[in-house]
Amino acid sequence: TKTITENFEDLRFDISTFEYDEEND
């Protein structure tokens, strides 16, 4: 459950939006 505040930018920083660089860990 995500708590959505008035600022829409919160959704951009969900853990699923972070990309993993396997080479540099």
PDB file of all heavy atoms in Angstrom:
ATOM      1  N   THR A   1       0.844  -1.191   0.000  1.00  0.00           N
ATOM      2  CA  THR A   1       0.000   0.000   0.000  1.00  0.00           C
ATOM      3  C   THR A   1       0.878   1.239   0.000  1.00  0.00           C
ATOM      4  O   THR A   1       1.709   1.419   0.886  1.00  0.00           O
ATOM      5  CB  THR A   1      -0.909   0.011   1.251  1.00  0.00           C
ATOM      6  OG1 THR A   1      -1.620  -1.205   1.292  1.00  0.00           O
ATOM      7  CG2 THR A   1      -1.872   1.175   1.211  1.00  0.00           C
ATOM      8  N   LYS A   2       0.681   2.065  -0.994  1.00  0.00           N
ATOM      9  CA  LYS A   2       1.470   3.290  -1.117  1.00  0.00           C
ATOM     10  C   LYS A   2       0.660   4.480  -0.628  1.00  0.00           C
ATOM     11  O   LYS A   2      -0.510   4.620  -0.953  1.00  0.00           O
ATOM     12  CB  LYS A   2       1.879   3.515  -2.578  1.00  0.00           C
ATOM     13  CG  LYS A   2       2.738   2.408  -3.164  1.00  0.00           C
ATOM     14  CD  LYS A   2       3.130   2.758  -4.579  1.00  0.00           C
ATOM     15  CE  LYS A   2       4.034   1.700  -5.174  1.00  0.00           C
ATOM     16  NZ  LYS A   2       3.358   0.465  -5.468  1.00  0.00           N
ATOM     17  N   THR A   3       1.291   5.309   0.160  1.00  0.00           N
ATOM     18  CA  THR A   3       0.646   6.530   0.618  1.00  0.00           C
ATOM     19  C   THR A   3       0.936   7.628  -0.387  1.00  0.00           C
ATOM     20  O   THR A   3       2.071   8.086  -0.519  1.00  0.00           O
ATOM     21  CB  THR A   3       1.181   6.946   2.010  1.00  0.00           C
ATOM     22  OG1 THR A   3       1.005   5.854   2.894  1.00  0.00           O
ATOM     23  CG2 THR A   3       0.442   8.158   2.537  1.00  0.00           C
ATOM     24  N   ILE A   4      -0.090   8.033  -1.109  1.00  0.00           N
ATOM     25  CA  ILE A   4       0.080   9.049  -2.147  1.00  0.00           C
ATOM     26  C   ILE A   4      -0.227  10.419  -1.552  1.00  0.00           C
ATOM     27  O   ILE A   4      -1.325  10.687  -1.088  1.00  0.00           O
ATOM     28  CB  ILE A   4      -0.848   8.774  -3.337  1.00  0.00           C
ATOM     29  CG1 ILE A   4      -0.555   7.374  -3.898  1.00  0.00           C
ATOM     30  CG2 ILE A   4      -0.693   9.822  -4.424  1.00  0.00           C
ATOM     31  CD1 ILE A   4      -1.488   6.963  -4.997  1.00  0.00           C
ATOM     32  N   THR A   5       0.768  11.275  -1.563  1.00  0.00           N
ATOM     33  CA  THR A   5       0.584  12.632  -1.061  1.00  0.00           C
ATOM     34  C   THR A   5       0.181  13.537  -2.216  1.00  0.00           C
ATOM     35  O   THR A   5      -0.008  13.099  -3.342  1.00  0.00           O
ATOM     36  CB  THR A   5       1.895  13.142  -0.426  1.00  0.00           C
ATOM     37  OG1 THR A   5       2.904  13.152  -1.434  1.00  0.00           O
ATOM     38  CG2 THR A   5       2.327  12.237   0.710  1.00  0.00           C
ATOM     39  N   GLU A   6       0.039  14.793  -1.919  1.00  0.00           N
ATOM     40  CA  GLU A   6      -0.371  15.744  -2.959  1.00  0.00           C
ATOM     41  C   GLU A   6       0.675  15.849  -4.055  1.00  0.00           C
ATOM     42  O   GLU A   6       0.353  16.113  -5.208  1.00  0.00           O
ATOM     43  CB  GLU A   6      -0.607  17.124  -2.325  1.00  0.00           C
ATOM     44  CG  GLU A   6      -1.801  17.147  -1.377  1.00  0.00           C
ATOM     45  CD  GLU A   6      -1.980  18.501  -0.738  1.00  0.00           C
ATOM     46  OE1 GLU A   6      -1.185  19.419  -1.053  1.00  0.00           O
ATOM     47  OE2 GLU A   6      -2.899  18.660   0.071  1.00  0.00           O
ATOM     48  N   ASN A   7       1.956  15.631  -3.692  1.00  0.00           N
ATOM     49  CA  ASN A   7       3.027  15.746  -4.672  1.00  0.00           C
ATOM     50  C   ASN A   7       3.152  14.446  -5.469  1.00  0.00           C
ATOM     51  O   ASN A   7       3.488  13.399  -4.924  1.00  0.00           O
ATOM     52  CB  ASN A   7       4.354  16.052  -3.955  1.00  0.00           C
ATOM     53  CG  ASN A   7       5.421  16.508  -4.938  1.00  0.00           C
ATOM     54  OD1 ASN A   7       5.353  16.209  -6.123  1.00  0.00           O
ATOM     55  ND2 ASN A   7       6.393  17.241  -4.437  1.00  0.00           N
ATOM     56  N   PHE A   8       2.878  14.482  -6.748  1.00  0.00           N
ATOM     57  CA  PHE A   8       2.905  13.305  -7.611  1.00  0.00           C
ATOM     58  C   PHE A   8       4.299  12.731  -7.758  1.00  0.00           C
ATOM     59  O   PHE A   8       4.469  11.569  -8.102  1.00  0.00           O
ATOM     60  CB  PHE A   8       2.343  13.682  -8.985  1.00  0.00           C
ATOM     61  CG  PHE A   8       2.268  12.530  -9.935  1.00  0.00           C
ATOM     62  CD1 PHE A   8       1.285  11.551  -9.806  1.00  0.00           C
ATOM     63  CD2 PHE A   8       3.207  12.397 -10.948  1.00  0.00           C
ATOM     64  CE1 PHE A   8       1.221  10.481 -10.674  1.00  0.00           C
ATOM     65  CE2 PHE A   8       3.143  11.319 -11.823  1.00  0.00           C
ATOM     66  CZ  PHE A   8       2.152  10.372 -11.688  1.00  0.00           C
ATOM     67  N   GLU A   9       5.332  13.516  -7.433  1.00  0.00           N
ATOM     68  CA  GLU A   9       6.705  13.063  -7.622  1.00  0.00           C
ATOM     69  C   GLU A   9       7.044  11.868  -6.720  1.00  0.00           C
ATOM     70  O   GLU A   9       7.994  11.150  -6.974  1.00  0.00           O
ATOM     71  CB  GLU A   9       7.687  14.223  -7.317  1.00  0.00           C
ATOM     72  CG  GLU A   9       7.636  15.358  -8.314  1.00  0.00           C
ATOM     73  CD  GLU A   9       8.175  14.951  -9.676  1.00  0.00           C
ATOM     74  OE1 GLU A   9       8.908  13.948  -9.743  1.00  0.00           O
ATOM     75  OE2 GLU A   9       7.859  15.616 -10.665  1.00  0.00           O
ATOM     76  N   ASP A  10       6.255  11.630  -5.626  1.00  0.00           N
ATOM     77  CA  ASP A  10       6.534  10.515  -4.713  1.00  0.00           C
ATOM     78  C   ASP A  10       6.571   9.177  -5.453  1.00  0.00           C
ATOM     79  O   ASP A  10       7.353   8.303  -5.113  1.00  0.00           O
ATOM     80  CB  ASP A  10       5.467  10.457  -3.615  1.00  0.00           C
ATOM     81  CG  ASP A  10       5.618  11.596  -2.610  1.00  0.00           C
ATOM     82  OD1 ASP A  10       6.659  12.266  -2.608  1.00  0.00           O
ATOM     83  OD2 ASP A  10       4.678  11.791  -1.849  1.00  0.00           O
ATOM     84  N   LEU A  11       5.698   8.988  -6.429  1.00  0.00           N
ATOM     85  CA  LEU A  11       5.612   7.731  -7.160  1.00  0.00           C
ATOM     86  C   LEU A  11       6.864   7.470  -7.988  1.00  0.00           C
ATOM     87  O   LEU A  11       7.179   6.313  -8.274  1.00  0.00           O
ATOM     88  CB  LEU A  11       4.382   7.728  -8.065  1.00  0.00           C
ATOM     89  CG  LEU A  11       3.025   7.810  -7.367  1.00  0.00           C
ATOM     90  CD1 LEU A  11       1.916   7.896  -8.398  1.00  0.00           C
ATOM     91  CD2 LEU A  11       2.810   6.611  -6.461  1.00  0.00           C
ATOM     92  N   ARG A  12       7.547   8.490  -8.372  1.00  0.00           N
ATOM     93  CA  ARG A  12       8.746   8.329  -9.195  1.00  0.00           C
ATOM     94  C   ARG A  12       9.858   7.628  -8.442  1.00  0.00           C
ATOM     95  O   ARG A  12      10.729   7.010  -9.050  1.00  0.00           O
ATOM     96  CB  ARG A  12       9.262   9.705  -9.654  1.00  0.00           C
ATOM     97  CG  ARG A  12       8.420  10.347 -10.740  1.00  0.00           C
ATOM     98  CD  ARG A  12       9.082  11.630 -11.202  1.00  0.00           C
ATOM     99  NE  ARG A  12      10.408  11.360 -11.731  1.00  0.00           N
ATOM    100  CZ  ARG A  12      11.474  12.135 -11.523  1.00  0.00           C
ATOM    101  NH1 ARG A  12      11.371  13.220 -10.788  1.00  0.00           N
ATOM    102  NH2 ARG A  12      12.634  11.833 -12.049  1.00  0.00           N
ATOM    103  N   PHE A  13       9.838   7.729  -7.100  1.00  0.00           N
ATOM    104  CA  PHE A  13      10.959   7.224  -6.309  1.00  0.00           C
ATOM    105  C   PHE A  13      10.627   5.927  -5.566  1.00  0.00           C
ATOM    106  O   PHE A  13      11.224   5.601  -4.552  1.00  0.00           O
ATOM    107  CB  PHE A  13      11.436   8.305  -5.325  1.00  0.00           C
ATOM    108  CG  PHE A  13      11.885   9.552  -6.026  1.00  0.00           C
ATOM    109  CD1 PHE A  13      11.059  10.660  -6.102  1.00  0.00           C
ATOM    110  CD2 PHE A  13      13.128   9.613  -6.649  1.00  0.00           C
ATOM    111  CE1 PHE A  13      11.459  11.808  -6.766  1.00  0.00           C
ATOM    112  CE2 PHE A  13      13.535  10.758  -7.321  1.00  0.00           C
ATOM    113  CZ  PHE A  13      12.701  11.863  -7.382  1.00  0.00           C
ATOM    114  N   ASP A  14       9.630   5.210  -6.095  1.00  0.00           N
ATOM    115  CA  ASP A  14       9.356   3.884  -5.561  1.00  0.00           C
ATOM    116  C   ASP A  14      10.530   2.968  -5.895  1.00  0.00           C
ATOM    117  O   ASP A  14      11.218   3.156  -6.903  1.00  0.00           O
ATOM    118  CB  ASP A  14       8.065   3.328  -6.173  1.00  0.00           C
ATOM    119  CG  ASP A  14       7.720   1.966  -5.620  1.00  0.00           C
ATOM    120  OD1 ASP A  14       7.293   1.909  -4.454  1.00  0.00           O
ATOM    121  OD2 ASP A  14       7.879   0.968  -6.344  1.00  0.00           O
ATOM    122  N   ILE A  15      10.765   1.957  -5.066  1.00  0.00           N
ATOM    123  CA  ILE A  15      11.926   1.077  -5.228  1.00  0.00           C
ATOM    124  C   ILE A  15      11.948   0.394  -6.599  1.00  0.00           C
ATOM    125  O   ILE A  15      13.011   0.091  -7.147  1.00  0.00           O
ATOM    126  CB  ILE A  15      11.960   0.024  -4.092  1.00  0.00           C
ATOM    127  CG1 ILE A  15      13.305  -0.709  -4.096  1.00  0.00           C
ATOM    128  CG2 ILE A  15      10.778  -0.937  -4.199  1.00  0.00           C
ATOM    129  CD1 ILE A  15      13.508  -1.581  -2.877  1.00  0.00           C
ATOM    130  N   SER A  16      10.769   0.198  -7.185  1.00  0.00           N
ATOM    131  CA  SER A  16      10.689  -0.475  -8.489  1.00  0.00           C
ATOM    132  C   SER A  16      11.213   0.393  -9.627  1.00  0.00           C
ATOM    133  O   SER A  16      11.510  -0.115 -10.714  1.00  0.00           O
ATOM    134  CB  SER A  16       9.233  -0.875  -8.783  1.00  0.00           C
ATOM    135  OG  SER A  16       8.396   0.269  -8.802  1.00  0.00           O
ATOM    136  N   THR A  17      11.341   1.691  -9.403  1.00  0.00           N
ATOM    137  CA  THR A  17      11.815   2.602 -10.452  1.00  0.00           C
ATOM    138  C   THR A  17      13.339   2.734 -10.465  1.00  0.00           C
ATOM    139  O   THR A  17      13.903   3.372 -11.350  1.00  0.00           O
ATOM    140  CB  THR A  17      11.190   4.001 -10.285  1.00  0.00           C
ATOM    141  OG1 THR A  17      11.604   4.559  -9.036  1.00  0.00           O
ATOM    142  CG2 THR A  17       9.668   3.925 -10.323  1.00  0.00           C
ATOM    143  N   PHE A  18      14.018   2.126  -9.489  1.00  0.00           N
ATOM    144  CA  PHE A  18      15.474   2.193  -9.421  1.00  0.00           C
ATOM    145  C   PHE A  18      16.068   1.080 -10.291  1.00  0.00           C
ATOM    146  O   PHE A  18      15.654  -0.080 -10.199  1.00  0.00           O
ATOM    147  CB  PHE A  18      15.959   2.042  -7.978  1.00  0.00           C
ATOM    148  CG  PHE A  18      15.747   3.263  -7.127  1.00  0.00           C
ATOM    149  CD1 PHE A  18      14.467   3.708  -6.817  1.00  0.00           C
ATOM    150  CD2 PHE A  18      16.829   3.976  -6.636  1.00  0.00           C
ATOM    151  CE1 PHE A  18      14.258   4.822  -6.034  1.00  0.00           C
ATOM    152  CE2 PHE A  18      16.634   5.103  -5.848  1.00  0.00           C
ATOM    153  CZ  PHE A  18      15.346   5.525  -5.550  1.00  0.00           C
ATOM    154  N   GLU A  19      17.035   1.430 -11.122  1.00  0.00           N
ATOM    155  CA  GLU A  19      17.676   0.458 -12.008  1.00  0.00           C
ATOM    156  C   GLU A  19      18.942  -0.092 -11.356  1.00  0.00           C
ATOM    157  O   GLU A  19      19.694   0.649 -10.706  1.00  0.00           O
ATOM    158  CB  GLU A  19      18.039   1.111 -13.342  1.00  0.00           C
ATOM    159  CG  GLU A  19      16.825   1.561 -14.137  1.00  0.00           C
ATOM    160  CD  GLU A  19      17.215   2.230 -15.449  1.00  0.00           C
ATOM    161  OE1 GLU A  19      18.434   2.218 -15.764  1.00  0.00           O
ATOM    162  OE2 GLU A  19      16.336   2.749 -16.145  1.00  0.00           O
ATOM    163  N   TYR A  20      19.171  -1.385 -11.548  1.00  0.00           N
ATOM    164  CA  TYR A  20      20.342  -2.022 -10.935  1.00  0.00           C
ATOM    165  C   TYR A  20      21.458  -2.181 -11.958  1.00  0.00           C
ATOM    166  O   TYR A  20      21.241  -2.701 -13.054  1.00  0.00           O
ATOM    167  CB  TYR A  20      19.957  -3.389 -10.373  1.00  0.00           C
ATOM    168  CG  TYR A  20      21.108  -4.126  -9.734  1.00  0.00           C
ATOM    169  CD1 TYR A  20      21.771  -3.603  -8.620  1.00  0.00           C
ATOM    170  CD2 TYR A  20      21.547  -5.351 -10.248  1.00  0.00           C
ATOM    171  CE1 TYR A  20      22.825  -4.283  -8.031  1.00  0.00           C
ATOM    172  CE2 TYR A  20      22.601  -6.039  -9.661  1.00  0.00           C
ATOM    173  CZ  TYR A  20      23.237  -5.494  -8.551  1.00  0.00           C
ATOM    174  OH  TYR A  20      24.300  -6.153  -7.980  1.00  0.00           O
ATOM    175  N   ASP A  21      22.643  -1.740 -11.570  1.00  0.00           N
ATOM    176  CA  ASP A  21      23.849  -1.900 -12.393  1.00  0.00           C
ATOM    177  C   ASP A  21      24.631  -3.079 -11.825  1.00  0.00           C
ATOM    178  O   ASP A  21      25.305  -2.963 -10.807  1.00  0.00           O
ATOM    179  CB  ASP A  21      24.690  -0.614 -12.333  1.00  0.00           C
ATOM    180  CG  ASP A  21      25.919  -0.694 -13.228  1.00  0.00           C
ATOM    181  OD1 ASP A  21      26.184  -1.769 -13.805  1.00  0.00           O
ATOM    182  OD2 ASP A  21      26.630   0.329 -13.346  1.00  0.00           O
ATOM    183  N   GLU A  22      24.505  -4.238 -12.492  1.00  0.00           N
ATOM    184  CA  GLU A  22      25.105  -5.465 -11.976  1.00  0.00           C
ATOM    185  C   GLU A  22      26.626  -5.404 -11.990  1.00  0.00           C
ATOM    186  O   GLU A  22      27.288  -5.936 -11.094  1.00  0.00           O
ATOM    187  CB  GLU A  22      24.619  -6.647 -12.825  1.00  0.00           C
ATOM    188  CG  GLU A  22      24.939  -7.999 -12.221  1.00  0.00           C
ATOM    189  CD  GLU A  22      24.263  -9.140 -12.961  1.00  0.00           C
ATOM    190  OE1 GLU A  22      23.450  -8.874 -13.878  1.00  0.00           O
ATOM    191  OE2 GLU A  22      24.558 -10.294 -12.621  1.00  0.00           O
ATOM    192  N   GLU A  23      27.191  -4.739 -12.986  1.00  0.00           N
ATOM    193  CA  GLU A  23      28.659  -4.676 -13.118  1.00  0.00           C
ATOM    194  C   GLU A  23      29.293  -3.941 -11.943  1.00  0.00           C
ATOM    195  O   GLU A  23      30.289  -4.381 -11.377  1.00  0.00           O
ATOM    196  CB  GLU A  23      29.027  -3.982 -14.437  1.00  0.00           C
ATOM    197  CG  GLU A  23      30.513  -4.007 -14.726  1.00  0.00           C
ATOM    198  CD  GLU A  23      30.852  -3.352 -16.061  1.00  0.00           C
ATOM    199  OE1 GLU A  23      29.924  -3.147 -16.883  1.00  0.00           O
ATOM    200  OE2 GLU A  23      32.032  -3.068 -16.280  1.00  0.00           O
ATOM    201  N   ASN A  24      28.700  -2.804 -11.540  1.00  0.00           N
ATOM    202  CA  ASN A  24      29.258  -1.999 -10.445  1.00  0.00           C
ATOM    203  C   ASN A  24      28.569  -2.268  -9.103  1.00  0.00           C
ATOM    204  O   ASN A  24      28.932  -1.649  -8.097  1.00  0.00           O
ATOM    205  CB  ASN A  24      29.129  -0.507 -10.780  1.00  0.00           C
ATOM    206  CG  ASN A  24      29.918  -0.132 -12.023  1.00  0.00           C
ATOM    207  OD1 ASN A  24      31.055  -0.551 -12.203  1.00  0.00           O
ATOM    208  ND2 ASN A  24      29.295   0.652 -12.900  1.00  0.00           N
ATOM    209  N   ASP A  25      27.569  -3.168  -9.097  1.00  0.00           N
ATOM    210  CA  ASP A  25      26.795  -3.482  -7.893  1.00  0.00           C
ATOM    211  C   ASP A  25      26.277  -2.200  -7.231  1.00  0.00           C
ATOM    212  O   ASP A  25      26.575  -1.895  -6.070  1.00  0.00           O
ATOM    213  CB  ASP A  25      27.639  -4.289  -6.902  1.00  0.00           C
ATOM    214  CG  ASP A  25      26.787  -4.831  -5.745  1.00  0.00           C
ATOM    215  OD1 ASP A  25      25.548  -4.888  -5.900  1.00  0.00           O
ATOM    216  OD2 ASP A  25      27.362  -5.170  -4.695  1.00  0.00           O
TER     217      ASP A  25
END
